[in-house]
């Protein structure tokens, strides 16, 4: 997409949330952007010039809200947004009710 290489993988194998492994996968694919899943936890992280993305999960999130991701590339400018959808999976994740006024 606009001379940016985008890799798509299921995700890291072990241990969970190992961004180093994702970085190696991105290098192996010669990707500028790597989109993964597996952990079901949304993440936007840039390491050594490689953008690592995880949209989370709209159906079965793990210790996170239900999310999807919007990725827009325009003239090589990358814009990424995590969008929360629906109600939290469990009340413990409804942080708004714990806010102080």
PDB file of N, CA and C in Angstrom:
ATOM      1  N   UNK A   1       0.868  -1.172   0.000  1.00  0.00           N
ATOM      2  CA  UNK A   1       0.000   0.000   0.000  1.00  0.00           C
ATOM      3  C   UNK A   1       0.910   1.228   0.000  1.00  0.00           C
ATOM      4  N   UNK A   2       0.888   1.972  -1.126  1.00  0.00           N
ATOM      5  CA  UNK A   2       1.708   3.174  -1.254  1.00  0.00           C
ATOM      6  C   UNK A   2       3.170   2.914  -0.886  1.00  0.00           C
ATOM      7  N   UNK A   3       3.717   1.834  -1.399  1.00  0.00           N
ATOM      8  CA  UNK A   3       5.110   1.421  -1.169  1.00  0.00           C
ATOM      9  C   UNK A   3       5.417   1.015   0.272  1.00  0.00           C
ATOM     10  N   UNK A   4       4.409   0.856   1.104  1.00  0.00           N
ATOM     11  CA  UNK A   4       4.597   0.308   2.445  1.00  0.00           C
ATOM     12  C   UNK A   4       4.202  -1.163   2.398  1.00  0.00           C
ATOM     13  N   UNK A   5       5.048  -2.005   2.938  1.00  0.00           N
ATOM     14  CA  UNK A   5       4.749  -3.438   2.958  1.00  0.00           C
ATOM     15  C   UNK A   5       4.019  -3.769   4.251  1.00  0.00           C
ATOM     16  N   UNK A   6       2.866  -4.427   4.115  1.00  0.00           N
ATOM     17  CA  UNK A   6       2.050  -4.793   5.271  1.00  0.00           C
ATOM     18  C   UNK A   6       2.044  -6.304   5.395  1.00  0.00           C
ATOM     19  N   UNK A   7       2.479  -6.790   6.552  1.00  0.00           N
ATOM     20  CA  UNK A   7       2.448  -8.220   6.832  1.00  0.00           C
ATOM     21  C   UNK A   7       1.265  -8.549   7.720  1.00  0.00           C
ATOM     22  N   UNK A   8       0.741  -9.740   7.545  1.00  0.00           N
ATOM     23  CA  UNK A   8      -0.397 -10.187   8.346  1.00  0.00           C
ATOM     24  C   UNK A   8      -0.087 -11.575   8.877  1.00  0.00           C
ATOM     25  N   UNK A   9      -0.057 -11.714  10.201  1.00  0.00           N
ATOM     26  CA  UNK A   9       0.236 -12.997  10.842  1.00  0.00           C
ATOM     27  C   UNK A   9      -0.754 -13.218  11.975  1.00  0.00           C
ATOM     28  N   UNK A  10      -0.884 -14.468  12.375  1.00  0.00           N
ATOM     29  CA  UNK A  10      -1.768 -14.763  13.506  1.00  0.00           C
ATOM     30  C   UNK A  10      -1.236 -14.109  14.770  1.00  0.00           C
ATOM     31  N   UNK A  11       0.046 -14.253  15.037  1.00  0.00           N
ATOM     32  CA  UNK A  11       0.630 -13.603  16.207  1.00  0.00           C
ATOM     33  C   UNK A  11       1.755 -14.405  16.781  1.00  0.00           C
ATOM     34  N   UNK A  12       2.204 -13.948  17.924  1.00  0.00           N
ATOM     35  CA  UNK A  12       3.324 -14.596  18.594  1.00  0.00           C
ATOM     36  C   UNK A  12       2.900 -15.954  19.146  1.00  0.00           C
ATOM     37  N   UNK A  13       3.861 -16.829  19.307  1.00  0.00           N
ATOM     38  CA  UNK A  13       3.567 -18.179  19.779  1.00  0.00           C
ATOM     39  C   UNK A  13       3.774 -18.269  21.287  1.00  0.00           C
ATOM     40  N   UNK A  14       4.967 -17.977  21.749  1.00  0.00           N
ATOM     41  CA  UNK A  14       5.265 -18.056  23.180  1.00  0.00           C
ATOM     42  C   UNK A  14       6.446 -17.168  23.475  1.00  0.00           C
ATOM     43  N   UNK A  15       6.480 -16.465  24.547  1.00  0.00           N
ATOM     44  CA  UNK A  15       5.378 -16.208  25.480  1.00  0.00           C
ATOM     45  C   UNK A  15       4.403 -15.207  24.892  1.00  0.00           C
ATOM     46  N   UNK A  16       3.226 -15.156  25.470  1.00  0.00           N
ATOM     47  CA  UNK A  16       2.224 -14.227  24.986  1.00  0.00           C
ATOM     48  C   UNK A  16       2.709 -12.792  25.145  1.00  0.00           C
ATOM     49  N   UNK A  17       2.327 -11.960  24.210  1.00  0.00           N
ATOM     50  CA  UNK A  17       2.660 -10.536  24.222  1.00  0.00           C
ATOM     51  C   UNK A  17       4.161 -10.287  24.061  1.00  0.00           C
ATOM     52  N   UNK A  18       4.841 -11.148  23.345  1.00  0.00           N
ATOM     53  CA  UNK A  18       6.274 -10.996  23.091  1.00  0.00           C
ATOM     54  C   UNK A  18       6.456 -10.154  21.836  1.00  0.00           C
ATOM     55  N   UNK A  19       6.646  -8.860  21.991  1.00  0.00           N
ATOM     56  CA  UNK A  19       6.788  -7.992  20.828  1.00  0.00           C
ATOM     57  C   UNK A  19       8.096  -8.257  20.082  1.00  0.00           C
ATOM     58  N   UNK A  20       9.089  -8.792  20.750  1.00  0.00           N
ATOM     59  CA  UNK A  20      10.343  -9.119  20.078  1.00  0.00           C
ATOM     60  C   UNK A  20      10.105 -10.159  18.977  1.00  0.00           C
ATOM     61  N   UNK A  21       9.289 -11.146  19.268  1.00  0.00           N
ATOM     62  CA  UNK A  21       8.970 -12.169  18.285  1.00  0.00           C
ATOM     63  C   UNK A  21       8.221 -11.557  17.094  1.00  0.00           C
ATOM     64  N   UNK A  22       7.322 -10.614  17.360  1.00  0.00           N
ATOM     65  CA  UNK A  22       6.608  -9.937  16.288  1.00  0.00           C
ATOM     66  C   UNK A  22       7.563  -9.110  15.442  1.00  0.00           C
ATOM     67  N   UNK A  23       8.530  -8.489  16.079  1.00  0.00           N
ATOM     68  CA  UNK A  23       9.537  -7.724  15.349  1.00  0.00           C
ATOM     69  C   UNK A  23      10.319  -8.631  14.401  1.00  0.00           C
ATOM     70  N   UNK A  24      10.704  -9.804  14.874  1.00  0.00           N
ATOM     71  CA  UNK A  24      11.418 -10.769  14.023  1.00  0.00           C
ATOM     72  C   UNK A  24      10.541 -11.226  12.855  1.00  0.00           C
ATOM     73  N   UNK A  25       9.255 -11.466  13.110  1.00  0.00           N
ATOM     74  CA  UNK A  25       8.339 -11.855  12.043  1.00  0.00           C
ATOM     75  C   UNK A  25       8.222 -10.745  10.996  1.00  0.00           C
ATOM     76  N   UNK A  26       8.145  -9.505  11.444  1.00  0.00           N
ATOM     77  CA  UNK A  26       8.055  -8.374  10.521  1.00  0.00           C
ATOM     78  C   UNK A  26       9.309  -8.289   9.660  1.00  0.00           C
ATOM     79  N   UNK A  27      10.460  -8.461  10.278  1.00  0.00           N
ATOM     80  CA  UNK A  27      11.713  -8.438   9.510  1.00  0.00           C
ATOM     81  C   UNK A  27      11.754  -9.584   8.503  1.00  0.00           C
ATOM     82  N   UNK A  28      11.309 -10.749   8.909  1.00  0.00           N
ATOM     83  CA  UNK A  28      11.302 -11.909   8.023  1.00  0.00           C
ATOM     84  C   UNK A  28      10.408 -11.649   6.801  1.00  0.00           C
ATOM     85  N   UNK A  29       9.303 -10.944   7.006  1.00  0.00           N
ATOM     86  CA  UNK A  29       8.381 -10.606   5.924  1.00  0.00           C
ATOM     87  C   UNK A  29       8.778  -9.320   5.195  1.00  0.00           C
ATOM     88  N   UNK A  30       9.832  -8.658   5.684  1.00  0.00           N
ATOM     89  CA  UNK A  30      10.262  -7.362   5.158  1.00  0.00           C
ATOM     90  C   UNK A  30       9.103  -6.367   5.186  1.00  0.00           C
ATOM     91  N   UNK A  31       8.375  -6.370   6.315  1.00  0.00           N
ATOM     92  CA  UNK A  31       7.179  -5.547   6.461  1.00  0.00           C
ATOM     93  C   UNK A  31       7.483  -4.249   7.201  1.00  0.00           C
ATOM     94  N   UNK A  32       6.848  -3.176   6.756  1.00  0.00           N
ATOM     95  CA  UNK A  32       6.904  -1.893   7.464  1.00  0.00           C
ATOM     96  C   UNK A  32       5.850  -1.861   8.566  1.00  0.00           C
ATOM     97  N   UNK A  33       4.754  -2.578   8.313  1.00  0.00           N
ATOM     98  CA  UNK A  33       3.634  -2.673   9.249  1.00  0.00           C
ATOM     99  C   UNK A  33       3.294  -4.150   9.402  1.00  0.00           C
ATOM    100  N   UNK A  34       3.158  -4.604  10.648  1.00  0.00           N
ATOM    101  CA  UNK A  34       2.773  -5.992  10.894  1.00  0.00           C
ATOM    102  C   UNK A  34       1.482  -6.001  11.701  1.00  0.00           C
ATOM    103  N   UNK A  35       0.453  -6.627  11.147  1.00  0.00           N
ATOM    104  CA  UNK A  35      -0.834  -6.761  11.829  1.00  0.00           C
ATOM    105  C   UNK A  35      -0.924  -8.190  12.340  1.00  0.00           C
ATOM    106  N   UNK A  36      -1.171  -8.329  13.637  1.00  0.00           N
ATOM    107  CA  UNK A  36      -1.273  -9.656  14.237  1.00  0.00           C
ATOM    108  C   UNK A  36      -2.508  -9.723  15.118  1.00  0.00           C
ATOM    109  N   UNK A  37      -2.792 -10.896  15.596  1.00  0.00           N
ATOM    110  CA  UNK A  37      -3.928 -11.102  16.496  1.00  0.00           C
ATOM    111  C   UNK A  37      -3.464 -11.905  17.684  1.00  0.00           C
ATOM    112  N   UNK A  38      -3.948 -13.086  17.840  1.00  0.00           N
ATOM    113  CA  UNK A  38      -3.564 -14.077  18.835  1.00  0.00           C
ATOM    114  C   UNK A  38      -3.889 -13.664  20.275  1.00  0.00           C
ATOM    115  N   UNK A  39      -3.361 -12.540  20.723  1.00  0.00           N
ATOM    116  CA  UNK A  39      -3.569 -12.169  22.129  1.00  0.00           C
ATOM    117  C   UNK A  39      -4.968 -11.598  22.377  1.00  0.00           C
ATOM    118  N   UNK A  40      -5.656 -11.156  21.314  1.00  0.00           N
ATOM    119  CA  UNK A  40      -6.982 -10.539  21.414  1.00  0.00           C
ATOM    120  C   UNK A  40      -6.938  -9.251  22.221  1.00  0.00           C
ATOM    121  N   UNK A  41      -5.762  -8.657  22.358  1.00  0.00           N
ATOM    122  CA  UNK A  41      -5.599  -7.403  23.083  1.00  0.00           C
ATOM    123  C   UNK A  41      -5.117  -6.324  22.124  1.00  0.00           C
ATOM    124  N   UNK A  42      -5.829  -5.196  22.037  1.00  0.00           N
ATOM    125  CA  UNK A  42      -5.450  -4.156  21.091  1.00  0.00           C
ATOM    126  C   UNK A  42      -4.093  -3.540  21.442  1.00  0.00           C
ATOM    127  N   UNK A  43      -3.336  -3.245  20.382  1.00  0.00           N
ATOM    128  CA  UNK A  43      -2.014  -2.653  20.613  1.00  0.00           C
ATOM    129  C   UNK A  43      -1.571  -1.901  19.362  1.00  0.00           C
ATOM    130  N   UNK A  44      -0.957  -0.748  19.603  1.00  0.00           N
ATOM    131  CA  UNK A  44      -0.265   0.018  18.568  1.00  0.00           C
ATOM    132  C   UNK A  44       1.114   0.312  19.142  1.00  0.00           C
ATOM    133  N   UNK A  45       2.132  -0.209  18.501  1.00  0.00           N
ATOM    134  CA  UNK A  45       3.491  -0.035  19.023  1.00  0.00           C
ATOM    135  C   UNK A  45       4.474   0.073  17.863  1.00  0.00           C
ATOM    136  N   UNK A  46       5.370   1.038  17.951  1.00  0.00           N
ATOM    137  CA  UNK A  46       6.398   1.193  16.928  1.00  0.00           C
ATOM    138  C   UNK A  46       7.742   0.817  17.545  1.00  0.00           C
ATOM    139  N   UNK A  47       8.428  -0.145  16.910  1.00  0.00           N
ATOM    140  CA  UNK A  47       9.729  -0.601  17.384  1.00  0.00           C
ATOM    141  C   UNK A  47      10.672  -0.628  16.186  1.00  0.00           C
ATOM    142  N   UNK A  48      11.774   0.063  16.325  1.00  0.00           N
ATOM    143  CA  UNK A  48      12.822   0.059  15.303  1.00  0.00           C
ATOM    144  C   UNK A  48      12.270   0.334  13.905  1.00  0.00           C
ATOM    145  N   UNK A  49      11.348   1.296  13.810  1.00  0.00           N
ATOM    146  CA  UNK A  49      10.796   1.694  12.524  1.00  0.00           C
ATOM    147  C   UNK A  49       9.703   0.792  11.984  1.00  0.00           C
ATOM    148  N   UNK A  50       9.333  -0.231  12.717  1.00  0.00           N
ATOM    149  CA  UNK A  50       8.272  -1.146  12.286  1.00  0.00           C
ATOM    150  C   UNK A  50       7.047  -0.917  13.170  1.00  0.00           C
ATOM    151  N   UNK A  51       5.905  -0.742  12.534  1.00  0.00           N
ATOM    152  CA  UNK A  51       4.655  -0.515  13.256  1.00  0.00           C
ATOM    153  C   UNK A  51       3.988  -1.864  13.517  1.00  0.00           C
ATOM    154  N   UNK A  52       3.821  -2.211  14.797  1.00  0.00           N
ATOM    155  CA  UNK A  52       3.187  -3.468  15.204  1.00  0.00           C
ATOM    156  C   UNK A  52       1.755  -3.159  15.643  1.00  0.00           C
ATOM    157  N   UNK A  53       0.802  -3.817  15.003  1.00  0.00           N
ATOM    158  CA  UNK A  53      -0.608  -3.549  15.274  1.00  0.00           C
ATOM    159  C   UNK A  53      -1.348  -4.822  15.663  1.00  0.00           C
ATOM    160  N   UNK A  54      -2.250  -4.682  16.615  1.00  0.00           N
ATOM    161  CA  UNK A  54      -3.167  -5.758  16.971  1.00  0.00           C
ATOM    162  C   UNK A  54      -4.531  -5.098  17.169  1.00  0.00           C
ATOM    163  N   UNK A  55      -5.522  -5.458  16.351  1.00  0.00           N
ATOM    164  CA  UNK A  55      -6.830  -4.811  16.468  1.00  0.00           C
ATOM    165  C   UNK A  55      -7.638  -5.232  17.688  1.00  0.00           C
ATOM    166  N   UNK A  56      -7.166  -6.207  18.436  1.00  0.00           N
ATOM    167  CA  UNK A  56      -7.959  -6.737  19.535  1.00  0.00           C
ATOM    168  C   UNK A  56      -8.998  -7.693  18.986  1.00  0.00           C
ATOM    169  N   UNK A  57     -10.150  -7.733  19.615  1.00  0.00           N
ATOM    170  CA  UNK A  57     -11.206  -8.634  19.163  1.00  0.00           C
ATOM    171  C   UNK A  57     -12.574  -7.998  19.377  1.00  0.00           C
ATOM    172  N   UNK A  58     -13.429  -8.023  18.353  1.00  0.00           N
ATOM    173  CA  UNK A  58     -14.783  -7.513  18.538  1.00  0.00           C
ATOM    174  C   UNK A  58     -15.703  -8.521  19.211  1.00  0.00           C
ATOM    175  N   UNK A  59     -15.263  -9.781  19.295  1.00  0.00           N
ATOM    176  CA  UNK A  59     -16.145 -10.837  19.809  1.00  0.00           C
ATOM    177  C   UNK A  59     -15.615 -11.461  21.094  1.00  0.00           C
ATOM    178  N   UNK A  60     -14.324 -11.837  21.128  1.00  0.00           N
ATOM    179  CA  UNK A  60     -13.762 -12.555  22.278  1.00  0.00           C
ATOM    180  C   UNK A  60     -12.486 -11.855  22.769  1.00  0.00           C
ATOM    181  N   UNK A  61     -12.605 -10.648  23.328  1.00  0.00           N
ATOM    182  CA  UNK A  61     -11.410  -9.979  23.836  1.00  0.00           C
ATOM    183  C   UNK A  61     -10.892 -10.658  25.100  1.00  0.00           C
ATOM    184  N   UNK A  62      -9.634 -10.474  25.369  1.00  0.00           N
ATOM    185  CA  UNK A  62      -9.032 -11.035  26.585  1.00  0.00           C
ATOM    186  C   UNK A  62      -8.508  -9.894  27.436  1.00  0.00           C
ATOM    187  N   UNK A  63      -9.145  -9.666  28.567  1.00  0.00           N
ATOM    188  CA  UNK A  63      -8.795  -8.594  29.488  1.00  0.00           C
ATOM    189  C   UNK A  63      -8.736  -7.245  28.782  1.00  0.00           C
ATOM    190  N   UNK A  64      -9.673  -7.000  27.900  1.00  0.00           N
ATOM    191  CA  UNK A  64      -9.753  -5.753  27.153  1.00  0.00           C
ATOM    192  C   UNK A  64     -11.200  -5.543  26.710  1.00  0.00           C
ATOM    193  N   UNK A  65     -11.484  -4.319  26.280  1.00  0.00           N
ATOM    194  CA  UNK A  65     -12.793  -4.045  25.702  1.00  0.00           C
ATOM    195  C   UNK A  65     -12.872  -4.669  24.315  1.00  0.00           C
ATOM    196  N   UNK A  66     -14.078  -4.783  23.790  1.00  0.00           N
ATOM    197  CA  UNK A  66     -14.283  -5.244  22.415  1.00  0.00           C
ATOM    198  C   UNK A  66     -13.802  -4.130  21.484  1.00  0.00           C
ATOM    199  N   UNK A  67     -12.931  -4.471  20.544  1.00  0.00           N
ATOM    200  CA  UNK A  67     -12.355  -3.453  19.678  1.00  0.00           C
ATOM    201  C   UNK A  67     -12.193  -3.934  18.242  1.00  0.00           C
ATOM    202  N   UNK A  68     -12.105  -2.952  17.355  1.00  0.00           N
ATOM    203  CA  UNK A  68     -11.691  -3.140  15.972  1.00  0.00           C
ATOM    204  C   UNK A  68     -10.649  -2.056  15.708  1.00  0.00           C
ATOM    205  N   UNK A  69      -9.977  -2.140  14.567  1.00  0.00           N
ATOM    206  CA  UNK A  69      -8.931  -1.165  14.261  1.00  0.00           C
ATOM    207  C   UNK A  69      -9.173  -0.584  12.880  1.00  0.00           C
ATOM    208  N   UNK A  70      -8.944   0.706  12.772  1.00  0.00           N
ATOM    209  CA  UNK A  70      -9.027   1.396  11.496  1.00  0.00           C
ATOM    210  C   UNK A  70      -7.606   1.795  11.114  1.00  0.00           C
ATOM    211  N   UNK A  71      -7.159   1.345   9.944  1.00  0.00           N
ATOM    212  CA  UNK A  71      -5.824   1.652   9.430  1.00  0.00           C
ATOM    213  C   UNK A  71      -6.007   2.409   8.131  1.00  0.00           C
ATOM    214  N   UNK A  72      -5.479   3.619   8.071  1.00  0.00           N
ATOM    215  CA  UNK A  72      -5.586   4.430   6.859  1.00  0.00           C
ATOM    216  C   UNK A  72      -4.186   4.852   6.434  1.00  0.00           C
ATOM    217  N   UNK A  73      -3.890   4.654   5.148  1.00  0.00           N
ATOM    218  CA  UNK A  73      -2.610   5.072   4.589  1.00  0.00           C
ATOM    219  C   UNK A  73      -2.919   6.050   3.469  1.00  0.00           C
ATOM    220  N   UNK A  74      -2.392   7.260   3.601  1.00  0.00           N
ATOM    221  CA  UNK A  74      -2.641   8.305   2.626  1.00  0.00           C
ATOM    222  C   UNK A  74      -1.334   9.036   2.354  1.00  0.00           C
ATOM    223  N   UNK A  75      -0.824   8.907   1.147  1.00  0.00           N
ATOM    224  CA  UNK A  75       0.451   9.513   0.761  1.00  0.00           C
ATOM    225  C   UNK A  75       1.561   9.089   1.717  1.00  0.00           C
ATOM    226  N   UNK A  76       1.603   7.807   2.014  1.00  0.00           N
ATOM    227  CA  UNK A  76       2.584   7.173   2.902  1.00  0.00           C
ATOM    228  C   UNK A  76       2.449   7.589   4.364  1.00  0.00           C
ATOM    229  N   UNK A  77       1.449   8.396   4.687  1.00  0.00           N
ATOM    230  CA  UNK A  77       1.167   8.744   6.077  1.00  0.00           C
ATOM    231  C   UNK A  77       0.237   7.683   6.641  1.00  0.00           C
ATOM    232  N   UNK A  78       0.614   7.118   7.770  1.00  0.00           N
ATOM    233  CA  UNK A  78      -0.155   6.036   8.383  1.00  0.00           C
ATOM    234  C   UNK A  78      -0.923   6.583   9.582  1.00  0.00           C
ATOM    235  N   UNK A  79      -2.215   6.329   9.591  1.00  0.00           N
ATOM    236  CA  UNK A  79      -3.066   6.714  10.711  1.00  0.00           C
ATOM    237  C   UNK A  79      -3.757   5.451  11.212  1.00  0.00           C
ATOM    238  N   UNK A  80      -3.630   5.195  12.509  1.00  0.00           N
ATOM    239  CA  UNK A  80      -4.205   3.988  13.100  1.00  0.00           C
ATOM    240  C   UNK A  80      -5.066   4.395  14.290  1.00  0.00           C
ATOM    241  N   UNK A  81      -6.230   3.775  14.383  1.00  0.00           N
ATOM    242  CA  UNK A  81      -7.128   4.073  15.495  1.00  0.00           C
ATOM    243  C   UNK A  81      -7.761   2.784  16.003  1.00  0.00           C
ATOM    244  N   UNK A  82      -7.741   2.619  17.315  1.00  0.00           N
ATOM    245  CA  UNK A  82      -8.451   1.505  17.950  1.00  0.00           C
ATOM    246  C   UNK A  82      -9.829   2.026  18.334  1.00  0.00           C
ATOM    247  N   UNK A  83     -10.856   1.306  17.906  1.00  0.00           N
ATOM    248  CA  UNK A  83     -12.227   1.740  18.148  1.00  0.00           C
ATOM    249  C   UNK A  83     -12.914   0.737  19.069  1.00  0.00           C
ATOM    250  N   UNK A  84     -13.375   1.209  20.218  1.00  0.00           N
ATOM    251  CA  UNK A  84     -14.137   0.364  21.139  1.00  0.00           C
ATOM    252  C   UNK A  84     -15.548   0.213  20.598  1.00  0.00           C
ATOM    253  N   UNK A  85     -16.059  -1.008  20.667  1.00  0.00           N
ATOM    254  CA  UNK A  85     -17.419  -1.249  20.201  1.00  0.00           C
ATOM    255  C   UNK A  85     -18.201  -1.983  21.280  1.00  0.00           C
ATOM    256  N   UNK A  86     -19.453  -1.687  21.371  1.00  0.00           N
ATOM    257  CA  UNK A  86     -20.316  -2.403  22.309  1.00  0.00           C
ATOM    258  C   UNK A  86     -19.970  -2.173  23.762  1.00  0.00           C
ATOM    259  N   UNK A  87     -20.604  -2.933  24.602  1.00  0.00           N
ATOM    260  CA  UNK A  87     -20.408  -2.838  26.046  1.00  0.00           C
ATOM    261  C   UNK A  87     -19.160  -3.607  26.462  1.00  0.00           C
ATOM    262  N   UNK A  88     -18.553  -3.234  27.595  1.00  0.00           N
ATOM    263  CA  UNK A  88     -17.414  -4.005  28.088  1.00  0.00           C
ATOM    264  C   UNK A  88     -17.806  -5.468  28.302  1.00  0.00           C
ATOM    265  N   UNK A  89     -16.823  -6.344  28.204  1.00  0.00           N
ATOM    266  CA  UNK A  89     -17.065  -7.773  28.357  1.00  0.00           C
ATOM    267  C   UNK A  89     -17.472  -8.113  29.782  1.00  0.00           C
ATOM    268  N   UNK A  90     -16.838  -7.474  30.747  1.00  0.00           N
ATOM    269  CA  UNK A  90     -17.223  -7.692  32.150  1.00  0.00           C
ATOM    270  C   UNK A  90     -17.211  -6.349  32.862  1.00  0.00           C
ATOM    271  N   UNK A  91     -17.944  -6.243  33.937  1.00  0.00           N
ATOM    272  CA  UNK A  91     -18.071  -4.968  34.637  1.00  0.00           C
ATOM    273  C   UNK A  91     -16.737  -4.477  35.190  1.00  0.00           C
ATOM    274  N   UNK A  92     -15.794  -5.366  35.433  1.00  0.00           N
ATOM    275  CA  UNK A  92     -14.487  -4.958  35.946  1.00  0.00           C
ATOM    276  C   UNK A  92     -13.742  -4.102  34.933  1.00  0.00           C
ATOM    277  N   UNK A  93     -14.111  -4.184  33.649  1.00  0.00           N
ATOM    278  CA  UNK A  93     -13.452  -3.384  32.621  1.00  0.00           C
ATOM    279  C   UNK A  93     -14.173  -2.075  32.345  1.00  0.00           C
ATOM    280  N   UNK A  94     -15.263  -1.815  33.042  1.00  0.00           N
ATOM    281  CA  UNK A  94     -15.997  -0.575  32.862  1.00  0.00           C
ATOM    282  C   UNK A  94     -15.384   0.493  33.763  1.00  0.00           C
ATOM    283  N   UNK A  95     -14.264   1.076  33.290  1.00  0.00           N
ATOM    284  CA  UNK A  95     -13.497   2.010  34.103  1.00  0.00           C
ATOM    285  C   UNK A  95     -14.222   3.335  34.317  1.00  0.00           C
ATOM    286  N   UNK A  96     -15.172   3.666  33.439  1.00  0.00           N
ATOM    287  CA  UNK A  96     -15.895   4.924  33.585  1.00  0.00           C
ATOM    288  C   UNK A  96     -16.628   5.023  34.920  1.00  0.00           C
ATOM    289  N   UNK A  97     -17.124   3.907  35.411  1.00  0.00           N
ATOM    290  CA  UNK A  97     -17.889   3.966  36.665  1.00  0.00           C
ATOM    291  C   UNK A  97     -16.984   4.240  37.878  1.00  0.00           C
ATOM    292  N   UNK A  98     -15.667   4.154  37.698  1.00  0.00           N
ATOM    293  CA  UNK A  98     -14.742   4.405  38.803  1.00  0.00           C
ATOM    294  C   UNK A  98     -14.138   5.808  38.753  1.00  0.00           C
ATOM    295  N   UNK A  99     -14.505   6.585  37.729  1.00  0.00           N
ATOM    296  CA  UNK A  99     -13.962   7.933  37.610  1.00  0.00           C
ATOM    297  C   UNK A  99     -14.523   8.813  38.718  1.00  0.00           C
ATOM    298  N   UNK A 100     -13.668   9.728  39.211  1.00  0.00           N
ATOM    299  CA  UNK A 100     -14.127  10.725  40.189  1.00  0.00           C
ATOM    300  C   UNK A 100     -14.521  11.984  39.442  1.00  0.00           C
ATOM    301  N   UNK A 101     -15.584  12.600  39.872  1.00  0.00           N
ATOM    302  CA  UNK A 101     -16.039  13.857  39.235  1.00  0.00           C
ATOM    303  C   UNK A 101     -15.286  15.026  39.783  1.00  0.00           C
TER     304      UNK A 101
END
